[in-house]
mmCIF file of all heavy atoms, coordinates in Angstrom:
data_MODEL
# 
_entry.id   MODEL 
# 
loop_
_atom_site.group_PDB 
_atom_site.id 
_atom_site.type_symbol 
_atom_site.label_atom_id 
_atom_site.label_alt_id 
_atom_site.label_comp_id 
_atom_site.label_asym_id 
_atom_site.label_entity_id 
_atom_site.label_seq_id 
_atom_site.pdbx_PDB_ins_code 
_atom_site.Cartn_x 
_atom_site.Cartn_y 
_atom_site.Cartn_z 
_atom_site.occupancy 
_atom_site.B_iso_or_equiv 
_atom_site.pdbx_formal_charge 
_atom_site.auth_seq_id 
_atom_site.auth_comp_id 
_atom_site.auth_asym_id 
_atom_site.auth_atom_id 
_atom_site.pdbx_PDB_model_num 
ATOM 1   N N   . GLU A 1 1  ? 0.798  -1.223 -0.019  1.00 0.00 ? 1  GLU A N   1 
ATOM 2   C CA  . GLU A 1 1  ? -0.006 -0.070 -0.010  1.00 0.00 ? 1  GLU A CA  1 
ATOM 3   C C   . GLU A 1 1  ? 0.823  1.237  0.033   1.00 0.00 ? 1  GLU A C   1 
ATOM 4   O O   . GLU A 1 1  ? 1.729  1.450  0.924   1.00 0.00 ? 1  GLU A O   1 
ATOM 5   C CB  . GLU A 1 1  ? -0.878 0.023  1.237   1.00 0.00 ? 1  GLU A CB  1 
ATOM 6   C CG  . GLU A 1 1  ? -2.100 -0.967 1.105   1.00 0.00 ? 1  GLU A CG  1 
ATOM 7   C CD  . GLU A 1 1  ? -3.008 -0.776 2.311   1.00 0.00 ? 1  GLU A CD  1 
ATOM 8   O OE1 . GLU A 1 1  ? -2.592 -1.313 3.382   1.00 0.00 ? 1  GLU A OE1 1 
ATOM 9   O OE2 . GLU A 1 1  ? -4.091 -0.248 2.178   1.00 0.00 ? 1  GLU A OE2 1 
ATOM 10  N N   . LYS A 1 2  ? 0.668  2.077  -0.971  1.00 0.00 ? 2  LYS A N   1 
ATOM 11  C CA  . LYS A 1 2  ? 1.285  3.425  -0.982  1.00 0.00 ? 2  LYS A CA  1 
ATOM 12  C C   . LYS A 1 2  ? 0.298  4.358  -0.294  1.00 0.00 ? 2  LYS A C   1 
ATOM 13  O O   . LYS A 1 2  ? -0.929 4.377  -0.593  1.00 0.00 ? 2  LYS A O   1 
ATOM 14  C CB  . LYS A 1 2  ? 1.545  3.923  -2.450  1.00 0.00 ? 2  LYS A CB  1 
ATOM 15  C CG  . LYS A 1 2  ? 2.077  5.281  -2.411  1.00 0.00 ? 2  LYS A CG  1 
ATOM 16  C CD  . LYS A 1 2  ? 2.387  5.916  -3.793  1.00 0.00 ? 2  LYS A CD  1 
ATOM 17  C CE  . LYS A 1 2  ? 2.798  7.391  -3.610  1.00 0.00 ? 2  LYS A CE  1 
ATOM 18  N NZ  . LYS A 1 2  ? 3.216  8.024  -4.914  1.00 0.00 ? 2  LYS A NZ  1 
ATOM 19  N N   . ILE A 1 3  ? 0.825  5.177  0.557   1.00 0.00 ? 3  ILE A N   1 
ATOM 20  C CA  . ILE A 1 3  ? -0.021 6.133  1.365   1.00 0.00 ? 3  ILE A CA  1 
ATOM 21  C C   . ILE A 1 3  ? 0.582  7.517  1.135   1.00 0.00 ? 3  ILE A C   1 
ATOM 22  O O   . ILE A 1 3  ? 1.756  7.704  1.215   1.00 0.00 ? 3  ILE A O   1 
ATOM 23  C CB  . ILE A 1 3  ? 0.012  5.775  2.807   1.00 0.00 ? 3  ILE A CB  1 
ATOM 24  C CG1 . ILE A 1 3  ? -0.596 4.329  3.085   1.00 0.00 ? 3  ILE A CG1 1 
ATOM 25  C CG2 . ILE A 1 3  ? -0.737 6.825  3.627   1.00 0.00 ? 3  ILE A CG2 1 
ATOM 26  C CD1 . ILE A 1 3  ? -0.691 3.937  4.471   1.00 0.00 ? 3  ILE A CD1 1 
ATOM 27  N N   . VAL A 1 4  ? -0.394 8.461  0.814   1.00 0.00 ? 4  VAL A N   1 
ATOM 28  C CA  . VAL A 1 4  ? 0.016  9.901  0.670   1.00 0.00 ? 4  VAL A CA  1 
ATOM 29  C C   . VAL A 1 4  ? -0.763 10.634 1.728   1.00 0.00 ? 4  VAL A C   1 
ATOM 30  O O   . VAL A 1 4  ? -2.016 10.526 1.828   1.00 0.00 ? 4  VAL A O   1 
ATOM 31  C CB  . VAL A 1 4  ? -0.330 10.420 -0.747  1.00 0.00 ? 4  VAL A CB  1 
ATOM 32  C CG1 . VAL A 1 4  ? 0.024  11.873 -0.743  1.00 0.00 ? 4  VAL A CG1 1 
ATOM 33  C CG2 . VAL A 1 4  ? 0.498  9.701  -1.791  1.00 0.00 ? 4  VAL A CG2 1 
ATOM 34  N N   . VAL A 1 5  ? -0.025 11.387 2.488   1.00 0.00 ? 5  VAL A N   1 
ATOM 35  C CA  . VAL A 1 5  ? -0.675 12.225 3.599   1.00 0.00 ? 5  VAL A CA  1 
ATOM 36  C C   . VAL A 1 5  ? -0.528 13.647 3.189   1.00 0.00 ? 5  VAL A C   1 
ATOM 37  O O   . VAL A 1 5  ? 0.626  14.150 3.018   1.00 0.00 ? 5  VAL A O   1 
ATOM 38  C CB  . VAL A 1 5  ? 0.051  11.966 4.892   1.00 0.00 ? 5  VAL A CB  1 
ATOM 39  C CG1 . VAL A 1 5  ? -0.597 12.861 6.067   1.00 0.00 ? 5  VAL A CG1 1 
ATOM 40  C CG2 . VAL A 1 5  ? -0.034 10.515 5.303   1.00 0.00 ? 5  VAL A CG2 1 
ATOM 41  N N   . ARG A 1 6  ? -1.628 14.361 2.996   1.00 0.00 ? 6  ARG A N   1 
ATOM 42  C CA  . ARG A 1 6  ? -1.604 15.781 2.620   1.00 0.00 ? 6  ARG A CA  1 
ATOM 43  C C   . ARG A 1 6  ? -1.701 16.581 3.955   1.00 0.00 ? 6  ARG A C   1 
ATOM 44  O O   . ARG A 1 6  ? -2.586 16.394 4.795   1.00 0.00 ? 6  ARG A O   1 
ATOM 45  C CB  . ARG A 1 6  ? -2.799 16.126 1.751   1.00 0.00 ? 6  ARG A CB  1 
ATOM 46  C CG  . ARG A 1 6  ? -3.083 17.619 1.559   1.00 0.00 ? 6  ARG A CG  1 
ATOM 47  C CD  . ARG A 1 6  ? -2.009 18.313 0.806   1.00 0.00 ? 6  ARG A CD  1 
ATOM 48  N NE  . ARG A 1 6  ? -1.684 17.866 -0.545  1.00 0.00 ? 6  ARG A NE  1 
ATOM 49  C CZ  . ARG A 1 6  ? -2.311 18.252 -1.561  1.00 0.00 ? 6  ARG A CZ  1 
ATOM 50  N NH1 . ARG A 1 6  ? -3.268 19.135 -1.513  1.00 0.00 ? 6  ARG A NH1 1 
ATOM 51  N NH2 . ARG A 1 6  ? -1.908 17.804 -2.776  1.00 0.00 ? 6  ARG A NH2 1 
ATOM 52  N N   . VAL A 1 7  ? -0.723 17.493 4.141   1.00 0.00 ? 7  VAL A N   1 
ATOM 53  C CA  . VAL A 1 7  ? -0.676 18.334 5.324   1.00 0.00 ? 7  VAL A CA  1 
ATOM 54  C C   . VAL A 1 7  ? -1.501 19.609 4.993   1.00 0.00 ? 7  VAL A C   1 
ATOM 55  O O   . VAL A 1 7  ? -1.081 20.362 4.122   1.00 0.00 ? 7  VAL A O   1 
ATOM 56  C CB  . VAL A 1 7  ? 0.795  18.687 5.670   1.00 0.00 ? 7  VAL A CB  1 
ATOM 57  C CG1 . VAL A 1 7  ? 0.711  19.567 6.941   1.00 0.00 ? 7  VAL A CG1 1 
ATOM 58  C CG2 . VAL A 1 7  ? 1.607  17.454 5.892   1.00 0.00 ? 7  VAL A CG2 1 
ATOM 59  N N   . LEU A 1 8  ? -2.518 19.878 5.669   1.00 0.00 ? 8  LEU A N   1 
ATOM 60  C CA  . LEU A 1 8  ? -3.440 20.982 5.466   1.00 0.00 ? 8  LEU A CA  1 
ATOM 61  C C   . LEU A 1 8  ? -3.201 22.035 6.580   1.00 0.00 ? 8  LEU A C   1 
ATOM 62  O O   . LEU A 1 8  ? -3.357 21.697 7.758   1.00 0.00 ? 8  LEU A O   1 
ATOM 63  C CB  . LEU A 1 8  ? -4.880 20.601 5.422   1.00 0.00 ? 8  LEU A CB  1 
ATOM 64  C CG  . LEU A 1 8  ? -5.212 19.438 4.412   1.00 0.00 ? 8  LEU A CG  1 
ATOM 65  C CD1 . LEU A 1 8  ? -6.649 18.956 4.641   1.00 0.00 ? 8  LEU A CD1 1 
ATOM 66  C CD2 . LEU A 1 8  ? -5.007 19.936 2.973   1.00 0.00 ? 8  LEU A CD2 1 
ATOM 67  N N   . SER A 1 9  ? -2.911 23.226 6.147   1.00 0.00 ? 9  SER A N   1 
ATOM 68  C CA  . SER A 1 9  ? -2.675 24.318 7.215   1.00 0.00 ? 9  SER A CA  1 
ATOM 69  C C   . SER A 1 9  ? -3.988 24.672 7.845   1.00 0.00 ? 9  SER A C   1 
ATOM 70  O O   . SER A 1 9  ? -5.004 24.856 7.242   1.00 0.00 ? 9  SER A O   1 
ATOM 71  C CB  . SER A 1 9  ? -2.075 25.500 6.453   1.00 0.00 ? 9  SER A CB  1 
ATOM 72  O OG  . SER A 1 9  ? -1.969 26.575 7.423   1.00 0.00 ? 9  SER A OG  1 
ATOM 73  N N   . THR A 1 10 ? -3.931 24.869 9.188   1.00 0.00 ? 10 THR A N   1 
ATOM 74  C CA  . THR A 1 10 ? -5.030 25.257 9.915   1.00 0.00 ? 10 THR A CA  1 
ATOM 75  C C   . THR A 1 10 ? -4.774 26.718 10.423  1.00 0.00 ? 10 THR A C   1 
ATOM 76  O O   . THR A 1 10 ? -5.574 27.213 11.262  1.00 0.00 ? 10 THR A O   1 
ATOM 77  C CB  . THR A 1 10 ? -5.360 24.405 11.111  1.00 0.00 ? 10 THR A CB  1 
ATOM 78  O OG1 . THR A 1 10 ? -4.140 24.222 11.876  1.00 0.00 ? 10 THR A OG1 1 
ATOM 79  C CG2 . THR A 1 10 ? -5.754 22.958 10.662  1.00 0.00 ? 10 THR A CG2 1 
ATOM 80  N N   . ASP A 1 11 ? -3.736 27.322 9.964   1.00 0.00 ? 11 ASP A N   1 
ATOM 81  C CA  . ASP A 1 11 ? -3.420 28.588 10.409  1.00 0.00 ? 11 ASP A CA  1 
ATOM 82  C C   . ASP A 1 11 ? -4.134 29.704 9.547   1.00 0.00 ? 11 ASP A C   1 
ATOM 83  O O   . ASP A 1 11 ? -3.756 30.076 8.453   1.00 0.00 ? 11 ASP A O   1 
ATOM 84  C CB  . ASP A 1 11 ? -1.886 28.887 10.295  1.00 0.00 ? 11 ASP A CB  1 
ATOM 85  C CG  . ASP A 1 11 ? -1.420 30.168 10.939  1.00 0.00 ? 11 ASP A CG  1 
ATOM 86  O OD1 . ASP A 1 11 ? -2.316 30.958 11.447  1.00 0.00 ? 11 ASP A OD1 1 
ATOM 87  O OD2 . ASP A 1 11 ? -0.263 30.478 11.000  1.00 0.00 ? 11 ASP A OD2 1 
ATOM 88  N N   . LEU A 1 12 ? -5.245 30.249 10.095  1.00 0.00 ? 12 LEU A N   1 
ATOM 89  C CA  . LEU A 1 12 ? -6.051 31.141 9.399   1.00 0.00 ? 12 LEU A CA  1 
ATOM 90  C C   . LEU A 1 12 ? -5.316 32.507 9.157   1.00 0.00 ? 12 LEU A C   1 
ATOM 91  O O   . LEU A 1 12 ? -5.616 33.232 8.288   1.00 0.00 ? 12 LEU A O   1 
ATOM 92  C CB  . LEU A 1 12 ? -7.365 31.418 10.138  1.00 0.00 ? 12 LEU A CB  1 
ATOM 93  C CG  . LEU A 1 12 ? -8.386 30.235 10.264  1.00 0.00 ? 12 LEU A CG  1 
ATOM 94  C CD1 . LEU A 1 12 ? -9.614 30.661 10.947  1.00 0.00 ? 12 LEU A CD1 1 
ATOM 95  C CD2 . LEU A 1 12 ? -8.675 29.654 8.890   1.00 0.00 ? 12 LEU A CD2 1 
ATOM 96  N N   . ALA A 1 13 ? -4.289 32.788 10.050  1.00 0.00 ? 13 ALA A N   1 
ATOM 97  C CA  . ALA A 1 13 ? -3.474 33.987 9.905   1.00 0.00 ? 13 ALA A CA  1 
ATOM 98  C C   . ALA A 1 13 ? -2.764 34.056 8.548   1.00 0.00 ? 13 ALA A C   1 
ATOM 99  O O   . ALA A 1 13 ? -2.509 35.087 7.979   1.00 0.00 ? 13 ALA A O   1 
ATOM 100 C CB  . ALA A 1 13 ? -2.543 34.110 11.013  1.00 0.00 ? 13 ALA A CB  1 
ATOM 101 N N   . LYS A 1 14 ? -2.466 32.854 8.012   1.00 0.00 ? 14 LYS A N   1 
ATOM 102 C CA  . LYS A 1 14 ? -1.766 32.800 6.693   1.00 0.00 ? 14 LYS A CA  1 
ATOM 103 C C   . LYS A 1 14 ? -2.727 32.972 5.561   1.00 0.00 ? 14 LYS A C   1 
ATOM 104 O O   . LYS A 1 14 ? -2.248 33.122 4.357   1.00 0.00 ? 14 LYS A O   1 
ATOM 105 C CB  . LYS A 1 14 ? -1.030 31.395 6.571   1.00 0.00 ? 14 LYS A CB  1 
ATOM 106 C CG  . LYS A 1 14 ? 0.080  31.257 7.513   1.00 0.00 ? 14 LYS A CG  1 
ATOM 107 C CD  . LYS A 1 14 ? 0.819  29.945 7.356   1.00 0.00 ? 14 LYS A CD  1 
ATOM 108 C CE  . LYS A 1 14 ? 1.981  29.817 8.319   1.00 0.00 ? 14 LYS A CE  1 
ATOM 109 N NZ  . LYS A 1 14 ? 2.781  28.568 8.117   1.00 0.00 ? 14 LYS A NZ  1 
ATOM 110 N N   . LEU A 1 15 ? -4.024 33.012 5.807   1.00 0.00 ? 15 LEU A N   1 
ATOM 111 C CA  . LEU A 1 15 ? -5.000 33.153 4.664   1.00 0.00 ? 15 LEU A CA  1 
ATOM 112 C C   . LEU A 1 15 ? -5.206 34.615 4.424   1.00 0.00 ? 15 LEU A C   1 
ATOM 113 O O   . LEU A 1 15 ? -6.289 35.137 4.616   1.00 0.00 ? 15 LEU A O   1 
ATOM 114 C CB  . LEU A 1 15 ? -6.268 32.393 5.037   1.00 0.00 ? 15 LEU A CB  1 
ATOM 115 C CG  . LEU A 1 15 ? -6.206 30.897 5.032   1.00 0.00 ? 15 LEU A CG  1 
ATOM 116 C CD1 . LEU A 1 15 ? -7.578 30.347 5.320   1.00 0.00 ? 15 LEU A CD1 1 
ATOM 117 C CD2 . LEU A 1 15 ? -5.805 30.384 3.657   1.00 0.00 ? 15 LEU A CD2 1 
ATOM 118 N N   . ASN A 1 16 ? -4.110 35.311 4.109   1.00 0.00 ? 16 ASN A N   1 
ATOM 119 C CA  . ASN A 1 16 ? -4.284 36.730 3.704   1.00 0.00 ? 16 ASN A CA  1 
ATOM 120 C C   . ASN A 1 16 ? -3.577 36.962 2.370   1.00 0.00 ? 16 ASN A C   1 
ATOM 121 O O   . ASN A 1 16 ? -2.674 36.252 2.011   1.00 0.00 ? 16 ASN A O   1 
ATOM 122 C CB  . ASN A 1 16 ? -3.848 37.698 4.798   1.00 0.00 ? 16 ASN A CB  1 
ATOM 123 C CG  . ASN A 1 16 ? -2.310 37.512 5.011   1.00 0.00 ? 16 ASN A CG  1 
ATOM 124 O OD1 . ASN A 1 16 ? -1.499 38.076 4.257   1.00 0.00 ? 16 ASN A OD1 1 
ATOM 125 N ND2 . ASN A 1 16 ? -1.895 36.916 6.144   1.00 0.00 ? 16 ASN A ND2 1 
ATOM 126 N N   . LEU A 1 17 ? -3.995 37.972 1.644   1.00 0.00 ? 17 LEU A N   1 
ATOM 127 C CA  . LEU A 1 17 ? -3.525 38.176 0.283   1.00 0.00 ? 17 LEU A CA  1 
ATOM 128 C C   . LEU A 1 17 ? -2.055 38.468 0.271   1.00 0.00 ? 17 LEU A C   1 
ATOM 129 O O   . LEU A 1 17 ? -1.291 38.132 -0.663  1.00 0.00 ? 17 LEU A O   1 
ATOM 130 C CB  . LEU A 1 17 ? -4.347 39.205 -0.408  1.00 0.00 ? 17 LEU A CB  1 
ATOM 131 C CG  . LEU A 1 17 ? -5.850 38.918 -0.553  1.00 0.00 ? 17 LEU A CG  1 
ATOM 132 C CD1 . LEU A 1 17 ? -6.634 40.040 -1.191  1.00 0.00 ? 17 LEU A CD1 1 
ATOM 133 C CD2 . LEU A 1 17 ? -6.068 37.604 -1.240  1.00 0.00 ? 17 LEU A CD2 1 
ATOM 134 N N   . GLU A 1 18 ? -1.607 39.285 1.213   1.00 0.00 ? 18 GLU A N   1 
ATOM 135 C CA  . GLU A 1 18 ? -0.142 39.683 1.287   1.00 0.00 ? 18 GLU A CA  1 
ATOM 136 C C   . GLU A 1 18 ? 0.715  38.465 1.493   1.00 0.00 ? 18 GLU A C   1 
ATOM 137 O O   . GLU A 1 18 ? 1.811  38.308 0.852   1.00 0.00 ? 18 GLU A O   1 
ATOM 138 C CB  . GLU A 1 18 ? 0.090  40.661 2.413   1.00 0.00 ? 18 GLU A CB  1 
ATOM 139 C CG  . GLU A 1 18 ? -0.483 42.055 2.188   1.00 0.00 ? 18 GLU A CG  1 
ATOM 140 C CD  . GLU A 1 18 ? -1.891 42.119 2.638   1.00 0.00 ? 18 GLU A CD  1 
ATOM 141 O OE1 . GLU A 1 18 ? -2.501 41.034 3.144   1.00 0.00 ? 18 GLU A OE1 1 
ATOM 142 O OE2 . GLU A 1 18 ? -2.574 43.168 2.530   1.00 0.00 ? 18 GLU A OE2 1 
ATOM 143 N N   . HIS A 1 19 ? 0.290  37.562 2.400   1.00 0.00 ? 19 HIS A N   1 
ATOM 144 C CA  . HIS A 1 19 ? 1.060  36.301 2.567   1.00 0.00 ? 19 HIS A CA  1 
ATOM 145 C C   . HIS A 1 19 ? 1.199  35.489 1.276   1.00 0.00 ? 19 HIS A C   1 
ATOM 146 O O   . HIS A 1 19 ? 2.258  34.863 1.099   1.00 0.00 ? 19 HIS A O   1 
ATOM 147 C CB  . HIS A 1 19 ? 0.434  35.485 3.712   1.00 0.00 ? 19 HIS A CB  1 
ATOM 148 C CG  . HIS A 1 19 ? 1.149  34.196 4.090   1.00 0.00 ? 19 HIS A CG  1 
ATOM 149 N ND1 . HIS A 1 19 ? 2.226  34.195 4.835   1.00 0.00 ? 19 HIS A ND1 1 
ATOM 150 C CD2 . HIS A 1 19 ? 0.927  32.935 3.616   1.00 0.00 ? 19 HIS A CD2 1 
ATOM 151 C CE1 . HIS A 1 19 ? 2.680  32.939 4.947   1.00 0.00 ? 19 HIS A CE1 1 
ATOM 152 N NE2 . HIS A 1 19 ? 1.890  32.193 4.196   1.00 0.00 ? 19 HIS A NE2 1 
ATOM 153 N N   . LEU A 1 20 ? 0.161  35.462 0.497   1.00 0.00 ? 20 LEU A N   1 
ATOM 154 C CA  . LEU A 1 20 ? 0.174  34.701 -0.720  1.00 0.00 ? 20 LEU A CA  1 
ATOM 155 C C   . LEU A 1 20 ? 1.074  35.332 -1.832  1.00 0.00 ? 20 LEU A C   1 
ATOM 156 O O   . LEU A 1 20 ? 1.432  34.653 -2.791  1.00 0.00 ? 20 LEU A O   1 
ATOM 157 C CB  . LEU A 1 20 ? -1.215 34.480 -1.264  1.00 0.00 ? 20 LEU A CB  1 
ATOM 158 C CG  . LEU A 1 20 ? -2.145 33.665 -0.325  1.00 0.00 ? 20 LEU A CG  1 
ATOM 159 C CD1 . LEU A 1 20 ? -3.488 33.556 -0.895  1.00 0.00 ? 20 LEU A CD1 1 
ATOM 160 C CD2 . LEU A 1 20 ? -1.514 32.298 0.018   1.00 0.00 ? 20 LEU A CD2 1 
ATOM 161 N N   . GLY A 1 21 ? 1.340  36.652 -1.689  1.00 0.00 ? 21 GLY A N   1 
ATOM 162 C CA  . GLY A 1 21 ? 2.217  37.285 -2.609  1.00 0.00 ? 21 GLY A CA  1 
ATOM 163 C C   . GLY A 1 21 ? 1.522  38.365 -3.490  1.00 0.00 ? 21 GLY A C   1 
ATOM 164 O O   . GLY A 1 21 ? 2.171  38.857 -4.427  1.00 0.00 ? 21 GLY A O   1 
ATOM 165 N N   . TYR A 1 22 ? 0.250  38.699 -3.268  1.00 0.00 ? 22 TYR A N   1 
ATOM 166 C CA  . TYR A 1 22 ? -0.389 39.741 -3.973  1.00 0.00 ? 22 TYR A CA  1 
ATOM 167 C C   . TYR A 1 22 ? 0.224  41.112 -3.738  1.00 0.00 ? 22 TYR A C   1 
ATOM 168 O O   . TYR A 1 22 ? 0.398  41.484 -2.534  1.00 0.00 ? 22 TYR A O   1 
ATOM 169 C CB  . TYR A 1 22 ? -1.882 39.811 -3.655  1.00 0.00 ? 22 TYR A CB  1 
ATOM 170 C CG  . TYR A 1 22 ? -2.704 38.725 -4.218  1.00 0.00 ? 22 TYR A CG  1 
ATOM 171 C CD1 . TYR A 1 22 ? -2.832 37.546 -3.561  1.00 0.00 ? 22 TYR A CD1 1 
ATOM 172 C CD2 . TYR A 1 22 ? -3.406 38.853 -5.506  1.00 0.00 ? 22 TYR A CD2 1 
ATOM 173 C CE1 . TYR A 1 22 ? -3.628 36.446 -4.076  1.00 0.00 ? 22 TYR A CE1 1 
ATOM 174 C CE2 . TYR A 1 22 ? -4.135 37.787 -5.926  1.00 0.00 ? 22 TYR A CE2 1 
ATOM 175 C CZ  . TYR A 1 22 ? -4.258 36.659 -5.259  1.00 0.00 ? 22 TYR A CZ  1 
ATOM 176 O OH  . TYR A 1 22 ? -5.037 35.578 -5.756  1.00 0.00 ? 22 TYR A OH  1 
ATOM 177 N N   . ASN A 1 23 ? 0.608  41.920 -4.828  1.00 0.00 ? 23 ASN A N   1 
ATOM 178 C CA  . ASN A 1 23 ? 1.043  43.244 -4.560  1.00 0.00 ? 23 ASN A CA  1 
ATOM 179 C C   . ASN A 1 23 ? -0.146 44.137 -4.409  1.00 0.00 ? 23 ASN A C   1 
ATOM 180 O O   . ASN A 1 23 ? -1.270 43.721 -4.452  1.00 0.00 ? 23 ASN A O   1 
ATOM 181 C CB  . ASN A 1 23 ? 1.952  43.734 -5.681  1.00 0.00 ? 23 ASN A CB  1 
ATOM 182 C CG  . ASN A 1 23 ? 1.222  43.746 -7.063  1.00 0.00 ? 23 ASN A CG  1 
ATOM 183 O OD1 . ASN A 1 23 ? 0.054  43.998 -7.113  1.00 0.00 ? 23 ASN A OD1 1 
ATOM 184 N ND2 . ASN A 1 23 ? 1.935  43.412 -8.178  1.00 0.00 ? 23 ASN A ND2 1 
ATOM 185 N N   . HIS A 1 24 ? 0.142  45.413 -4.085  1.00 0.00 ? 24 HIS A N   1 
ATOM 186 C CA  . HIS A 1 24 ? -0.958 46.370 -3.697  1.00 0.00 ? 24 HIS A CA  1 
ATOM 187 C C   . HIS A 1 24 ? -1.978 46.452 -4.885  1.00 0.00 ? 24 HIS A C   1 
ATOM 188 O O   . HIS A 1 24 ? -3.189 46.417 -4.598  1.00 0.00 ? 24 HIS A O   1 
ATOM 189 C CB  . HIS A 1 24 ? -0.427 47.683 -3.346  1.00 0.00 ? 24 HIS A CB  1 
ATOM 190 C CG  . HIS A 1 24 ? -1.444 48.765 -3.007  1.00 0.00 ? 24 HIS A CG  1 
ATOM 191 N ND1 . HIS A 1 24 ? -2.181 48.672 -1.783  1.00 0.00 ? 24 HIS A ND1 1 
ATOM 192 C CD2 . HIS A 1 24 ? -1.922 49.780 -3.712  1.00 0.00 ? 24 HIS A CD2 1 
ATOM 193 C CE1 . HIS A 1 24 ? -3.027 49.655 -1.817  1.00 0.00 ? 24 HIS A CE1 1 
ATOM 194 N NE2 . HIS A 1 24 ? -2.954 50.375 -2.920  1.00 0.00 ? 24 HIS A NE2 1 
ATOM 195 N N   . ALA A 1 25 ? -1.472 46.650 -6.073  1.00 0.00 ? 25 ALA A N   1 
ATOM 196 C CA  . ALA A 1 25 ? -2.334 46.871 -7.243  1.00 0.00 ? 25 ALA A CA  1 
ATOM 197 C C   . ALA A 1 25 ? -3.268 45.651 -7.525  1.00 0.00 ? 25 ALA A C   1 
ATOM 198 O O   . ALA A 1 25 ? -4.474 45.762 -7.744  1.00 0.00 ? 25 ALA A O   1 
ATOM 199 C CB  . ALA A 1 25 ? -1.613 47.219 -8.510  1.00 0.00 ? 25 ALA A CB  1 
ATOM 200 N N   . ASP A 1 26 ? -2.655 44.447 -7.420  1.00 0.00 ? 26 ASP A N   1 
ATOM 201 C CA  . ASP A 1 26 ? -3.353 43.221 -7.653  1.00 0.00 ? 26 ASP A CA  1 
ATOM 202 C C   . ASP A 1 26 ? -4.456 43.024 -6.540  1.00 0.00 ? 26 ASP A C   1 
ATOM 203 O O   . ASP A 1 26 ? -5.548 42.524 -6.830  1.00 0.00 ? 26 ASP A O   1 
ATOM 204 C CB  . ASP A 1 26 ? -2.496 42.023 -7.740  1.00 0.00 ? 26 ASP A CB  1 
ATOM 205 C CG  . ASP A 1 26 ? -1.756 42.037 -9.092  1.00 0.00 ? 26 ASP A CG  1 
ATOM 206 O OD1 . ASP A 1 26 ? -2.170 42.741 -10.031 1.00 0.00 ? 26 ASP A OD1 1 
ATOM 207 O OD2 . ASP A 1 26 ? -0.704 41.290 -9.210  1.00 0.00 ? 26 ASP A OD2 1 
ATOM 208 N N   . LYS A 1 27 ? -4.001 43.363 -5.344  1.00 0.00 ? 27 LYS A N   1 
ATOM 209 C CA  . LYS A 1 27 ? -4.937 43.100 -4.178  1.00 0.00 ? 27 LYS A CA  1 
ATOM 210 C C   . LYS A 1 27 ? -6.132 44.014 -4.328  1.00 0.00 ? 27 LYS A C   1 
ATOM 211 O O   . LYS A 1 27 ? -7.300 43.586 -4.081  1.00 0.00 ? 27 LYS A O   1 
ATOM 212 C CB  . LYS A 1 27 ? -4.175 43.480 -2.878  1.00 0.00 ? 27 LYS A CB  1 
ATOM 213 C CG  . LYS A 1 27 ? -5.068 43.401 -1.633  1.00 0.00 ? 27 LYS A CG  1 
ATOM 214 C CD  . LYS A 1 27 ? -4.325 43.813 -0.391  1.00 0.00 ? 27 LYS A CD  1 
ATOM 215 C CE  . LYS A 1 27 ? -5.207 43.783 0.825   1.00 0.00 ? 27 LYS A CE  1 
ATOM 216 N NZ  . LYS A 1 27 ? -4.515 44.240 2.111   1.00 0.00 ? 27 LYS A NZ  1 
# 
C-alpha cells in the first residue's frame, strides 16, 4: 500500500492576500 498524507494548514492567519504574494495593485 502506497500512502500519501496531505498536510493541510489550519493557520487562518496565513490566509491573507499579502502572505500569498499579491502586490498592492493586484490586491
